[in-house]
Amino acid sequence: MKLIFGILMISQLAVVFSSNAQSPLTAPDSLLIIQEGIASYYGTRFHNRMTANGEIYDMWEFTAAHKHLPFGTLLKVTNKKNGYQAIVRVNDRLPKSSRRIIDLSKGVAEHLDMVNDGIVPVSLELLSHHAIDWVRNQYREVPRDIRLRSYFHGIAYQKDQEIIKKPLR
């Protein structure tokens, strides 16, 4: 009876550990996703013109235009149609009235395989929790269309405070 029980327990553990479901702690870090929406690209018409931050636009560099993210912000852009990703640097502005969340350089558009489509659904991620804090500190009031969440720092801080408050014996 113990042998059968042992075999059943081991088989249950094998099923649990071989499952495709991921723990939120081991899954890709969705806290870094700050925005989702539609991206487009711009190319030859703006090539060698000045961008909003004063640089000369090169359509082959991995750069992007965003409505309000600080210049120099690095973003991971994921094409949600095919999963292709690229890291871009914000150096230009979109019009405030734009329905798109980001305009990418032609080089990025080719890398993400979106040139034929023109516009694609994308997600924008910051590269670290420190980047989230840095971007948040650039605003007096965080715009409503982006999510800047960093739960880990608060949790770690609370835990440290609880440890300090406990009396030593």
Protein backbone atom coordinates (compact mmCIF):
# COMPACT_ATOMS: atom_id res chain seq x y z
CA MET A 1 0.00 0.00 0.00
CA LYS A 2 2.85 2.37 0.89
CA LEU A 3 4.54 1.56 -2.42
CA ILE A 4 1.39 2.43 -4.41
CA PHE A 5 0.95 5.64 -2.40
CA GLY A 6 4.58 6.59 -3.03
CA ILE A 7 4.26 5.98 -6.78
CA LEU A 8 1.07 8.09 -6.91
CA MET A 9 2.79 10.96 -5.06
CA ILE A 10 5.81 10.89 -7.37
CA SER A 11 3.58 10.83 -10.47
CA GLN A 12 1.59 13.81 -9.12
CA LEU A 13 4.79 15.78 -8.54
CA ALA A 14 5.97 14.95 -12.06
CA VAL A 15 2.70 16.31 -13.48
CA VAL A 16 2.96 19.49 -11.40
CA PHE A 17 6.57 20.20 -12.36
CA SER A 18 6.13 19.36 -16.06
CA SER A 19 3.11 21.65 -16.44
CA ASN A 20 3.36 24.46 -19.00
CA ALA A 21 1.81 26.94 -16.59
CA GLN A 22 4.29 29.40 -15.16
CA SER A 23 4.40 30.98 -11.77
CA PRO A 24 4.02 34.77 -11.80
CA LEU A 25 7.50 34.89 -10.29
CA THR A 26 9.10 32.99 -13.17
CA ALA A 27 6.93 34.30 -16.02
CA PRO A 28 8.20 37.14 -18.22
CA ASP A 29 8.05 40.34 -16.18
CA SER A 30 4.77 41.96 -17.19
CA LEU A 31 5.40 44.76 -14.67
CA LEU A 32 7.84 46.23 -17.19
CA ILE A 33 5.14 46.63 -19.86
CA ILE A 34 4.15 50.28 -19.79
CA GLN A 35 1.91 50.61 -22.84
CA GLU A 36 0.14 48.59 -25.53
CA GLY A 37 -1.34 49.87 -28.77
CA ILE A 38 -0.60 50.53 -32.42
CA ALA A 39 2.82 51.34 -33.89
CA SER A 40 3.71 52.69 -37.29
CA TYR A 41 7.01 53.68 -38.87
CA TYR A 42 8.49 56.62 -40.72
CA GLY A 43 11.29 56.52 -43.22
CA THR A 44 12.58 58.35 -46.28
CA ARG A 45 10.39 61.46 -46.03
CA PHE A 46 11.98 62.38 -42.67
CA HIS A 47 15.48 60.97 -43.29
CA ASN A 48 18.25 63.50 -42.45
CA ARG A 49 15.77 65.95 -40.89
CA MET A 50 16.05 67.23 -37.34
CA THR A 51 14.16 65.34 -34.63
CA ALA A 52 12.46 66.91 -31.62
CA ASN A 53 15.55 66.42 -29.44
CA GLY A 54 17.85 68.09 -31.99
CA GLU A 55 19.41 64.98 -33.53
CA ILE A 56 19.42 64.33 -37.25
CA TYR A 57 17.01 61.47 -38.00
CA ASP A 58 18.63 58.40 -39.53
CA MET A 59 15.97 55.97 -40.71
CA TRP A 60 18.32 52.99 -40.16
CA GLU A 61 19.05 53.65 -36.47
CA PHE A 62 16.90 51.98 -33.81
CA THR A 63 15.05 55.10 -32.69
CA ALA A 64 11.42 56.05 -32.12
CA ALA A 65 8.97 58.89 -31.62
CA HIS A 66 6.67 58.84 -28.58
CA LYS A 67 4.13 61.38 -27.33
CA HIS A 68 5.77 62.14 -24.01
CA LEU A 69 8.36 59.60 -22.80
CA PRO A 70 11.62 61.38 -21.94
CA PHE A 71 14.23 61.59 -24.68
CA GLY A 72 16.80 58.84 -24.28
CA THR A 73 14.35 56.34 -22.80
CA LEU A 74 15.19 52.81 -23.94
CA LEU A 75 12.19 50.62 -24.76
CA LYS A 76 11.73 47.02 -25.79
CA VAL A 77 9.12 47.02 -28.56
CA THR A 78 7.36 43.72 -29.24
CA ASN A 79 5.41 43.14 -32.44
CA LYS A 80 2.37 41.28 -31.09
CA LYS A 81 1.63 39.72 -34.50
CA ASN A 82 4.88 37.75 -34.72
CA GLY A 83 6.69 38.17 -31.37
CA TYR A 84 9.71 39.95 -32.89
CA GLN A 85 11.39 42.42 -30.55
CA ALA A 86 13.72 45.41 -30.79
CA ILE A 87 15.23 47.86 -28.33
CA VAL A 88 14.79 51.48 -29.38
CA ARG A 89 15.73 54.89 -28.01
CA VAL A 90 13.15 57.70 -27.90
CA ASN A 91 14.50 60.76 -29.74
CA ASP A 92 11.41 62.30 -31.37
CA ARG A 93 7.81 63.27 -30.62
CA LEU A 94 4.47 62.10 -31.95
CA PRO A 95 1.66 64.62 -32.26
CA LYS A 96 -0.49 64.68 -29.09
CA SER A 97 -3.53 63.86 -31.25
CA SER A 98 -1.98 60.68 -32.69
CA ARG A 99 -3.86 57.43 -32.13
CA ARG A 100 -0.61 55.48 -32.39
CA ILE A 101 1.52 54.96 -29.30
CA ILE A 102 4.87 54.96 -31.11
CA ASP A 103 6.44 55.64 -34.51
CA LEU A 104 9.50 53.54 -35.26
CA SER A 105 12.37 54.15 -37.63
CA LYS A 106 12.36 52.17 -40.87
CA GLY A 107 15.30 50.08 -39.63
CA VAL A 108 13.26 48.96 -36.63
CA ALA A 109 10.20 48.37 -38.82
CA GLU A 110 12.22 46.03 -41.03
CA HIS A 111 13.64 44.24 -37.98
CA LEU A 112 10.10 43.72 -36.59
CA ASP A 113 8.84 42.62 -40.03
CA MET A 114 6.13 45.29 -40.14
CA VAL A 115 7.02 47.24 -43.29
CA ASN A 116 4.39 45.53 -45.45
CA ASP A 117 1.69 45.95 -42.77
CA GLY A 118 2.50 49.60 -42.06
CA ILE A 119 0.87 49.48 -38.62
CA VAL A 120 0.94 46.65 -36.08
CA PRO A 121 -0.13 46.06 -32.48
CA VAL A 122 2.83 46.37 -30.11
CA SER A 123 3.71 46.37 -26.44
CA LEU A 124 6.30 48.73 -24.97
CA GLU A 125 8.47 47.62 -22.05
CA LEU A 126 11.06 49.42 -20.01
CA LEU A 127 14.23 47.42 -19.51
CA SER A 128 14.34 47.35 -15.70
CA HIS A 129 12.56 48.37 -12.52
CA HIS A 130 15.17 51.09 -12.09
CA ALA A 131 14.13 52.48 -15.48
CA ILE A 132 10.51 52.60 -14.27
CA ASP A 133 11.60 54.67 -11.26
CA TRP A 134 13.74 56.94 -13.47
CA VAL A 135 10.90 57.58 -15.94
CA ARG A 136 8.40 58.19 -13.12
CA ASN A 137 10.75 60.79 -11.62
CA GLN A 138 10.81 62.70 -14.93
CA TYR A 139 7.14 63.64 -14.58
CA ARG A 140 5.33 65.90 -12.16
CA GLU A 141 2.22 63.85 -12.92
CA VAL A 142 2.47 60.52 -14.74
CA PRO A 143 0.39 60.55 -17.96
CA ARG A 144 -2.70 58.34 -17.83
CA ASP A 145 -1.81 56.36 -20.96
CA ILE A 146 1.29 54.69 -19.50
CA ARG A 147 1.69 52.29 -16.55
CA LEU A 148 4.69 52.79 -14.33
CA ARG A 149 4.40 50.08 -11.68
CA SER A 150 7.20 48.97 -9.40
CA TYR A 151 5.83 46.80 -6.64
CA PHE A 152 9.09 45.12 -5.71
CA HIS A 153 10.68 48.17 -4.09
CA GLY A 154 7.73 48.77 -1.78
CA ILE A 155 7.54 45.14 -0.72
CA ALA A 156 11.26 44.97 -0.01
CA TYR A 157 11.07 48.22 1.95
CA GLN A 158 8.13 47.00 4.05
CA LYS A 159 9.87 43.73 4.82
CA ASP A 160 13.02 45.58 5.92
CA GLN A 161 10.94 47.82 8.15
CA GLU A 162 9.19 44.81 9.73
CA ILE A 163 12.54 43.22 10.51
CA ILE A 164 13.78 46.43 12.12
CA LYS A 165 10.62 46.82 14.24
CA LYS A 166 10.89 43.32 15.76
CA PRO A 167 12.48 43.41 19.21
CA LEU A 168 15.79 41.60 19.53
CA ARG A 169 15.87 38.83 22.19
